[in-house]
Amino acid sequence: MGDRSPKSVQKQASQKQSKADASNQQKQSLIASQQATKAKLAANKKK
């Protein structure tokens, strides 16, 4: 059985949140780089 003390539960929750935040940050940076690439291509087409 797992440790169900409040401290343990809090620690697990914070680790899970931290992992989710890191994942979201990666997704956001990927989206930003894709948008930058699209903007560059659009700018080059206008020339």
C-alpha atoms as a PDB file:
ATOM      1  CA  MET A   1       0.000   0.000   0.000  1.00  0.00           C
ATOM      2  CA  GLY A   2       1.099   3.531  -0.687  1.00  0.00           C
ATOM      3  CA  ASP A   3       1.826   6.267   1.803  1.00  0.00           C
ATOM      4  CA  ARG A   4      -1.336   8.357   2.212  1.00  0.00           C
ATOM      5  CA  SER A   5      -0.065  10.963   4.643  1.00  0.00           C
ATOM      6  CA  PRO A   6      -1.085  14.537   3.778  1.00  0.00           C
ATOM      7  CA  LYS A   7       2.548  15.446   3.131  1.00  0.00           C
ATOM      8  CA  SER A   8       2.936  12.572   0.671  1.00  0.00           C
ATOM      9  CA  VAL A   9      -0.293  13.419  -1.128  1.00  0.00           C
ATOM     10  CA  GLN A  10       0.767  17.072  -1.400  1.00  0.00           C
ATOM     11  CA  LYS A  11       4.181  16.090  -2.755  1.00  0.00           C
ATOM     12  CA  GLN A  12       2.669  13.811  -5.400  1.00  0.00           C
ATOM     13  CA  ALA A  13       0.190  16.493  -6.454  1.00  0.00           C
ATOM     14  CA  SER A  14       2.911  19.115  -6.814  1.00  0.00           C
ATOM     15  CA  GLN A  15       5.091  16.744  -8.840  1.00  0.00           C
ATOM     16  CA  LYS A  16       2.175  15.932 -11.122  1.00  0.00           C
ATOM     17  CA  GLN A  17       1.423  19.650 -11.592  1.00  0.00           C
ATOM     18  CA  SER A  18       5.079  20.383 -12.298  1.00  0.00           C
ATOM     19  CA  LYS A  19       5.179  17.666 -14.948  1.00  0.00           C
ATOM     20  CA  ALA A  20       1.999  19.023 -16.563  1.00  0.00           C
ATOM     21  CA  ASP A  21       3.418  22.564 -16.551  1.00  0.00           C
ATOM     22  CA  ALA A  22       6.617  21.380 -18.242  1.00  0.00           C
ATOM     23  CA  SER A  23       4.591  19.554 -20.877  1.00  0.00           C
ATOM     24  CA  ASN A  24       2.443  22.615 -21.546  1.00  0.00           C
ATOM     25  CA  GLN A  25       5.545  24.793 -21.824  1.00  0.00           C
ATOM     26  CA  GLN A  26       6.985  22.435 -24.445  1.00  0.00           C
ATOM     27  CA  LYS A  27       3.748  22.518 -26.421  1.00  0.00           C
ATOM     28  CA  GLN A  28       3.630  26.315 -26.309  1.00  0.00           C
ATOM     29  CA  SER A  29       7.206  26.672 -27.513  1.00  0.00           C
ATOM     30  CA  LEU A  30       6.535  24.221 -30.343  1.00  0.00           C
ATOM     31  CA  ILE A  31       3.457  26.180 -31.403  1.00  0.00           C
ATOM     32  CA  ALA A  32       5.398  29.451 -31.247  1.00  0.00           C
ATOM     33  CA  SER A  33       8.193  28.088 -33.414  1.00  0.00           C
ATOM     34  CA  GLN A  34       5.692  26.762 -35.950  1.00  0.00           C
ATOM     35  CA  GLN A  35       3.970  30.142 -36.107  1.00  0.00           C
ATOM     36  CA  ALA A  36       7.317  31.889 -36.562  1.00  0.00           C
ATOM     37  CA  THR A  37       8.167  29.553 -39.423  1.00  0.00           C
ATOM     38  CA  LYS A  38       4.827  30.218 -41.093  1.00  0.00           C
ATOM     39  CA  ALA A  39       5.315  33.969 -40.699  1.00  0.00           C
ATOM     40  CA  LYS A  40       8.765  33.768 -42.298  1.00  0.00           C
ATOM     41  CA  LEU A  41       7.391  31.790 -45.233  1.00  0.00           C
ATOM     42  CA  ALA A  42       4.567  34.278 -45.709  1.00  0.00           C
ATOM     43  CA  ALA A  43       7.020  37.187 -45.607  1.00  0.00           C
ATOM     44  CA  ASN A  44       9.239  35.503 -48.190  1.00  0.00           C
ATOM     45  CA  LYS A  45       6.279  34.917 -50.511  1.00  0.00           C
ATOM     46  CA  LYS A  46       5.404  38.630 -50.399  1.00  0.00           C
ATOM     47  CA  LYS A  47       8.870  39.604 -51.649  1.00  0.00           C
END
